C-alpha atoms as a PDB file:
ATOM      1  CA  UNK A   1     116.255 274.934  60.692  1.00  0.00           C
ATOM      2  CA  UNK A   2     117.490 271.408  60.142  1.00  0.00           C
ATOM      3  CA  UNK A   3     118.673 270.533  56.661  1.00  0.00           C
ATOM      4  CA  UNK A   4     117.626 267.070  55.636  1.00  0.00           C
ATOM      5  CA  UNK A   5     120.463 265.284  53.880  1.00  0.00           C
ATOM      6  CA  UNK A   6     119.353 263.453  50.792  1.00  0.00           C
ATOM      7  CA  UNK A   7     122.132 261.151  49.549  1.00  0.00           C
ATOM      8  CA  UNK A   8     121.206 261.892  45.936  1.00  0.00           C
ATOM      9  CA  UNK A   9     120.552 265.593  46.521  1.00  0.00           C
ATOM     10  CA  UNK A  10     122.598 268.707  47.164  1.00  0.00           C
ATOM     11  CA  UNK A  11     124.514 269.040  50.401  1.00  0.00           C
ATOM     12  CA  UNK A  12     126.149 272.359  49.429  1.00  0.00           C
ATOM     13  CA  UNK A  13     124.288 274.229  52.169  1.00  0.00           C
ATOM     14  CA  UNK A  14     125.670 271.837  54.759  1.00  0.00           C
ATOM     15  CA  UNK A  15     128.807 270.225  53.273  1.00  0.00           C
ATOM     16  CA  UNK A  16     130.402 267.245  54.885  1.00  0.00           C
ATOM     17  CA  UNK A  17     133.184 264.862  53.923  1.00  0.00           C
ATOM     18  CA  UNK A  18     130.945 263.296  51.270  1.00  0.00           C
ATOM     19  CA  UNK A  19     130.324 266.627  49.530  1.00  0.00           C
ATOM     20  CA  UNK A  20     131.242 266.558  45.848  1.00  0.00           C
ATOM     21  CA  UNK A  21     131.317 269.225  43.182  1.00  0.00           C
ATOM     22  CA  UNK A  22     130.663 266.455  40.687  1.00  0.00           C
ATOM     23  CA  UNK A  23     127.351 265.604  42.383  1.00  0.00           C
ATOM     24  CA  UNK A  24     126.469 269.310  42.485  1.00  0.00           C
ATOM     25  CA  UNK A  25     127.314 269.601  38.763  1.00  0.00           C
ATOM     26  CA  UNK A  26     125.131 266.613  37.959  1.00  0.00           C
ATOM     27  CA  UNK A  27     122.253 268.122  39.919  1.00  0.00           C
ATOM     28  CA  UNK A  28     122.612 271.406  38.028  1.00  0.00           C
ATOM     29  CA  UNK A  29     122.766 269.595  34.660  1.00  0.00           C
ATOM     30  CA  UNK A  30     119.624 267.664  35.581  1.00  0.00           C
ATOM     31  CA  UNK A  31     117.930 270.894  36.691  1.00  0.00           C
ATOM     32  CA  UNK A  32     118.684 272.603  33.380  1.00  0.00           C
ATOM     33  CA  UNK A  33     117.475 269.558  31.439  1.00  0.00           C
ATOM     34  CA  UNK A  34     114.264 269.450  33.480  1.00  0.00           C
ATOM     35  CA  UNK A  35     113.634 273.176  32.967  1.00  0.00           C
ATOM     36  CA  UNK A  36     114.065 272.903  29.206  1.00  0.00           C
ATOM     37  CA  UNK A  37     111.892 269.783  29.049  1.00  0.00           C
ATOM     38  CA  UNK A  38     109.146 271.402  31.161  1.00  0.00           C
ATOM     39  CA  UNK A  39     109.249 274.547  28.994  1.00  0.00           C
ATOM     40  CA  UNK A  40     108.967 272.462  25.836  1.00  0.00           C
ATOM     41  CA  UNK A  41     105.902 270.677  27.134  1.00  0.00           C
ATOM     42  CA  UNK A  42     104.320 274.010  28.122  1.00  0.00           C
ATOM     43  CA  UNK A  43     105.112 275.550  24.741  1.00  0.00           C
ATOM     44  CA  UNK A  44     103.867 272.537  22.831  1.00  0.00           C
ATOM     45  CA  UNK A  45     100.477 272.781  24.535  1.00  0.00           C
ATOM     46  CA  UNK A  46     100.186 276.412  23.419  1.00  0.00           C
ATOM     47  CA  UNK A  47     101.206 275.572  19.870  1.00  0.00           C
ATOM     48  CA  UNK A  48      98.639 272.769  19.801  1.00  0.00           C
ATOM     49  CA  UNK A  49      95.942 275.306  20.699  1.00  0.00           C
ATOM     50  CA  UNK A  50      97.191 277.636  17.971  1.00  0.00           C
ATOM     51  CA  UNK A  51      97.242 274.804  15.437  1.00  0.00           C
ATOM     52  CA  UNK A  52      93.631 273.922  16.227  1.00  0.00           C
ATOM     53  CA  UNK A  53      92.699 277.607  15.938  1.00  0.00           C
ATOM     54  CA  UNK A  54      94.350 277.939  12.537  1.00  0.00           C
ATOM     55  CA  UNK A  55      92.653 274.789  11.307  1.00  0.00           C
ATOM     56  CA  UNK A  56      89.331 276.239  12.397  1.00  0.00           C
ATOM     57  CA  UNK A  57      90.115 279.542  10.664  1.00  0.00           C
ATOM     58  CA  UNK A  58      90.956 277.747   7.416  1.00  0.00           C
ATOM     59  CA  UNK A  59      87.572 276.035   7.582  1.00  0.00           C
ATOM     60  CA  UNK A  60      85.892 279.371   8.296  1.00  0.00           C
ATOM     61  CA  UNK A  61      87.557 281.030   5.300  1.00  0.00           C
ATOM     62  CA  UNK A  62      86.330 278.215   3.072  1.00  0.00           C
ATOM     63  CA  UNK A  63      82.839 278.712   4.480  1.00  0.00           C
ATOM     64  CA  UNK A  64      83.033 282.456   3.789  1.00  0.00           C
ATOM     65  CA  UNK A  65      84.165 281.851   0.209  1.00  0.00           C
ATOM     66  CA  UNK A  66      81.443 279.255  -0.372  1.00  0.00           C
ATOM     67  CA  UNK A  67      78.860 281.454   1.320  1.00  0.00           C
ATOM     68  CA  UNK A  68      79.902 284.421  -0.785  1.00  0.00           C
ATOM     69  CA  UNK A  69      79.344 282.456  -3.977  1.00  0.00           C
ATOM     70  CA  UNK A  70      75.887 281.392  -2.805  1.00  0.00           C
ATOM     71  CA  UNK A  71      74.973 284.912  -1.633  1.00  0.00           C
ATOM     72  CA  UNK A  72      76.308 286.473  -4.825  1.00  0.00           C
ATOM     73  CA  UNK A  73      74.010 284.318  -6.927  1.00  0.00           C
ATOM     74  CA  UNK A  74      71.025 284.685  -4.619  1.00  0.00           C
ATOM     75  CA  UNK A  75      71.279 288.457  -4.062  1.00  0.00           C
ATOM     76  CA  UNK A  76      73.039 289.414  -7.286  1.00  0.00           C
ATOM     77  CA  UNK A  77      76.057 290.882  -5.504  1.00  0.00           C
ATOM     78  CA  UNK A  78      78.323 292.804  -7.811  1.00  0.00           C
ATOM     79  CA  UNK A  79      81.567 291.348  -9.086  1.00  0.00           C
ATOM     80  CA  UNK A  80      83.454 294.175  -7.335  1.00  0.00           C
ATOM     81  CA  UNK A  81      81.982 293.243  -3.949  1.00  0.00           C
ATOM     82  CA  UNK A  82      82.691 289.576  -4.557  1.00  0.00           C
ATOM     83  CA  UNK A  83      86.243 290.449  -5.534  1.00  0.00           C
ATOM     84  CA  UNK A  84      86.683 292.513  -2.358  1.00  0.00           C
ATOM     85  CA  UNK A  85      85.571 289.606  -0.161  1.00  0.00           C
ATOM     86  CA  UNK A  86      87.832 287.242  -2.091  1.00  0.00           C
ATOM     87  CA  UNK A  87      90.743 289.667  -1.684  1.00  0.00           C
ATOM     88  CA  UNK A  88      90.256 289.790   2.081  1.00  0.00           C
ATOM     89  CA  UNK A  89      89.986 286.005   2.219  1.00  0.00           C
ATOM     90  CA  UNK A  90      93.220 285.741   0.249  1.00  0.00           C
ATOM     91  CA  UNK A  91      94.989 288.147   2.651  1.00  0.00           C
ATOM     92  CA  UNK A  92      93.860 286.095   5.633  1.00  0.00           C
ATOM     93  CA  UNK A  93      95.045 282.961   3.895  1.00  0.00           C
ATOM     94  CA  UNK A  94      98.498 284.495   3.300  1.00  0.00           C
ATOM     95  CA  UNK A  95      98.817 285.461   6.980  1.00  0.00           C
ATOM     96  CA  UNK A  96      97.881 281.948   8.009  1.00  0.00           C
ATOM     97  CA  UNK A  97     100.550 280.558   5.681  1.00  0.00           C
ATOM     98  CA  UNK A  98     103.110 282.849   7.348  1.00  0.00           C
ATOM     99  CA  UNK A  99     102.001 281.503  10.717  1.00  0.00           C
ATOM    100  CA  UNK A 100     102.334 277.929   9.474  1.00  0.00           C
ATOM    101  CA  UNK A 101     105.937 278.680   8.457  1.00  0.00           C
ATOM    102  CA  UNK A 102     106.509 280.066  11.955  1.00  0.00           C
ATOM    103  CA  UNK A 103     105.109 276.831  13.404  1.00  0.00           C
ATOM    104  CA  UNK A 104     107.625 274.918  11.311  1.00  0.00           C
ATOM    105  CA  UNK A 105     110.416 276.970  12.884  1.00  0.00           C
ATOM    106  CA  UNK A 106     108.935 276.244  16.307  1.00  0.00           C
ATOM    107  CA  UNK A 107     109.038 272.532  15.499  1.00  0.00           C
ATOM    108  CA  UNK A 108     112.741 272.909  14.666  1.00  0.00           C
ATOM    109  CA  UNK A 109     113.282 274.702  17.974  1.00  0.00           C
ATOM    110  CA  UNK A 110     111.557 271.910  19.870  1.00  0.00           C
ATOM    111  CA  UNK A 111     113.743 269.302  18.140  1.00  0.00           C
ATOM    112  CA  UNK A 112     116.896 271.225  19.031  1.00  0.00           C
ATOM    113  CA  UNK A 113     115.891 271.660  22.643  1.00  0.00           C
ATOM    114  CA  UNK A 114     114.980 267.972  22.862  1.00  0.00           C
ATOM    115  CA  UNK A 115     118.543 267.265  21.735  1.00  0.00           C
ATOM    116  CA  UNK A 116     119.852 269.628  24.425  1.00  0.00           C
ATOM    117  CA  UNK A 117     117.904 267.729  27.079  1.00  0.00           C
ATOM    118  CA  UNK A 118     119.208 264.388  25.792  1.00  0.00           C
ATOM    119  CA  UNK A 119     122.790 265.709  25.649  1.00  0.00           C
ATOM    120  CA  UNK A 120     122.623 267.076  29.188  1.00  0.00           C
ATOM    121  CA  UNK A 121     121.290 263.759  30.442  1.00  0.00           C
ATOM    122  CA  UNK A 122     124.022 261.656  28.847  1.00  0.00           C
ATOM    123  CA  UNK A 123     126.637 264.174  29.997  1.00  0.00           C
ATOM    124  CA  UNK A 124     125.332 263.968  33.572  1.00  0.00           C
ATOM    125  CA  UNK A 125     125.482 260.167  33.382  1.00  0.00           C
ATOM    126  CA  UNK A 126     129.116 260.286  32.242  1.00  0.00           C
ATOM    127  CA  UNK A 127     130.181 262.846  34.836  1.00  0.00           C
ATOM    128  CA  UNK A 128     128.444 260.826  37.540  1.00  0.00           C
ATOM    129  CA  UNK A 129     130.196 257.588  36.662  1.00  0.00           C
ATOM    130  CA  UNK A 130     133.690 257.598  38.209  1.00  0.00           C
ATOM    131  CA  UNK A 131     134.716 254.586  36.150  1.00  0.00           C
ATOM    132  CA  UNK A 132     134.058 256.499  32.911  1.00  0.00           C
ATOM    133  CA  UNK A 133     134.740 260.107  33.928  1.00  0.00           C
ATOM    134  CA  UNK A 134     138.479 260.098  33.265  1.00  0.00           C
ATOM    135  CA  UNK A 135     138.447 257.823  30.210  1.00  0.00           C
ATOM    136  CA  UNK A 136     139.000 259.741  26.932  1.00  0.00           C
ATOM    137  CA  UNK A 137     137.353 256.927  24.998  1.00  0.00           C
ATOM    138  CA  UNK A 138     134.153 257.475  27.023  1.00  0.00           C
ATOM    139  CA  UNK A 139     134.189 261.176  26.145  1.00  0.00           C
ATOM    140  CA  UNK A 140     134.656 260.313  22.466  1.00  0.00           C
ATOM    141  CA  UNK A 141     131.777 257.850  22.698  1.00  0.00           C
ATOM    142  CA  UNK A 142     129.654 260.559  24.363  1.00  0.00           C
ATOM    143  CA  UNK A 143     130.492 263.016  21.581  1.00  0.00           C
ATOM    144  CA  UNK A 144     129.653 260.433  18.937  1.00  0.00           C
ATOM    145  CA  UNK A 145     126.371 259.581  20.664  1.00  0.00           C
ATOM    146  CA  UNK A 146     125.393 263.241  20.848  1.00  0.00           C
ATOM    147  CA  UNK A 147     126.395 264.020  17.257  1.00  0.00           C
ATOM    148  CA  UNK A 148     124.582 261.020  15.796  1.00  0.00           C
ATOM    149  CA  UNK A 149     121.405 261.959  17.673  1.00  0.00           C
ATOM    150  CA  UNK A 150     121.217 265.210  15.706  1.00  0.00           C
ATOM    151  CA  UNK A 151     118.714 265.159  12.879  1.00  0.00           C
ATOM    152  CA  UNK A 152     119.517 268.573  11.430  1.00  0.00           C
ATOM    153  CA  UNK A 153     122.634 269.507   9.488  1.00  0.00           C
ATOM    154  CA  UNK A 154     122.899 272.844  11.323  1.00  0.00           C
ATOM    155  CA  UNK A 155     123.189 271.010  14.628  1.00  0.00           C
ATOM    156  CA  UNK A 156     125.930 268.766  13.302  1.00  0.00           C
ATOM    157  CA  UNK A 157     127.783 271.776  11.859  1.00  0.00           C
ATOM    158  CA  UNK A 158     127.573 273.573  15.203  1.00  0.00           C
ATOM    159  CA  UNK A 159     128.738 270.461  17.034  1.00  0.00           C
ATOM    160  CA  UNK A 160     131.676 269.921  14.674  1.00  0.00           C
ATOM    161  CA  UNK A 161     132.789 273.553  14.914  1.00  0.00           C
ATOM    162  CA  UNK A 162     132.620 273.662  18.715  1.00  0.00           C
ATOM    163  CA  UNK A 163     134.378 270.306  19.130  1.00  0.00           C
ATOM    164  CA  UNK A 164     137.070 271.578  16.726  1.00  0.00           C
ATOM    165  CA  UNK A 165     137.641 274.460  19.157  1.00  0.00           C
ATOM    166  CA  UNK A 166     136.156 277.294  17.109  1.00  0.00           C
ATOM    167  CA  UNK A 167     134.915 280.428  18.865  1.00  0.00           C
ATOM    168  CA  UNK A 168     131.295 279.938  19.954  1.00  0.00           C
ATOM    169  CA  UNK A 169     130.158 283.488  19.128  1.00  0.00           C
ATOM    170  CA  UNK A 170     131.750 283.311  15.673  1.00  0.00           C
ATOM    171  CA  UNK A 171     130.154 279.954  14.901  1.00  0.00           C
ATOM    172  CA  UNK A 172     126.721 281.153  16.018  1.00  0.00           C
ATOM    173  CA  UNK A 173     127.043 284.303  13.888  1.00  0.00           C
ATOM    174  CA  UNK A 174     127.943 282.189  10.861  1.00  0.00           C
ATOM    175  CA  UNK A 175     125.006 279.838  11.420  1.00  0.00           C
ATOM    176  CA  UNK A 176     122.641 282.792  11.932  1.00  0.00           C
ATOM    177  CA  UNK A 177     123.846 284.328   8.654  1.00  0.00           C
ATOM    178  CA  UNK A 178     123.199 281.044   6.843  1.00  0.00           C
ATOM    179  CA  UNK A 179     119.776 280.698   8.484  1.00  0.00           C
ATOM    180  CA  UNK A 180     118.863 284.265   7.515  1.00  0.00           C
ATOM    181  CA  UNK A 181     119.833 283.721   3.879  1.00  0.00           C
ATOM    182  CA  UNK A 182     117.785 280.511   3.806  1.00  0.00           C
ATOM    183  CA  UNK A 183     114.828 282.271   5.438  1.00  0.00           C
ATOM    184  CA  UNK A 184     114.979 284.955   2.752  1.00  0.00           C
ATOM    185  CA  UNK A 185     114.601 282.186   0.165  1.00  0.00           C
ATOM    186  CA  UNK A 186     111.474 280.643   1.724  1.00  0.00           C
ATOM    187  CA  UNK A 187     108.416 281.023  -0.448  1.00  0.00           C
ATOM    188  CA  UNK A 188     104.957 280.839   0.990  1.00  0.00           C
ATOM    189  CA  UNK A 189     102.845 278.119  -0.567  1.00  0.00           C
END
């Protein structure tokens, strides 16, 4: 089997004098970024289907409620039966509201992973540029670029803690505790 050498691709299977761990690192960073990006696009398509389904269910619940009013008048359905149908409609509505909150969390996840993809890309660019790789000012500029791209306070807090040298597991536990306490405070509308 002959390995085709691609100047921009990996030569780890058949290293030569031009082999570089930096190039291999860049390829791996680009691979991770591509995998996350591809997964996001796949997930977003599924969420779009779910969103359309929930919209349709909301319309159906309204139709059931309206139909129940019409049927109640036409067939003199008891108040108890009407109340039972309304109760079930209300329960369905509550479950849909819970799902909508979950979609909001998914949107947050997508934003965070988009930031991961962007960060990996700018990191790969820096590592691949020999004129910038060993310049501390370039690394500071990279850090500033990444931090300012964050739209959520939690991301900035995580960034600041990690850059300050705090223990990753400890920082994540703290952020999870904060997120849990905030989730406990969420009220369904």
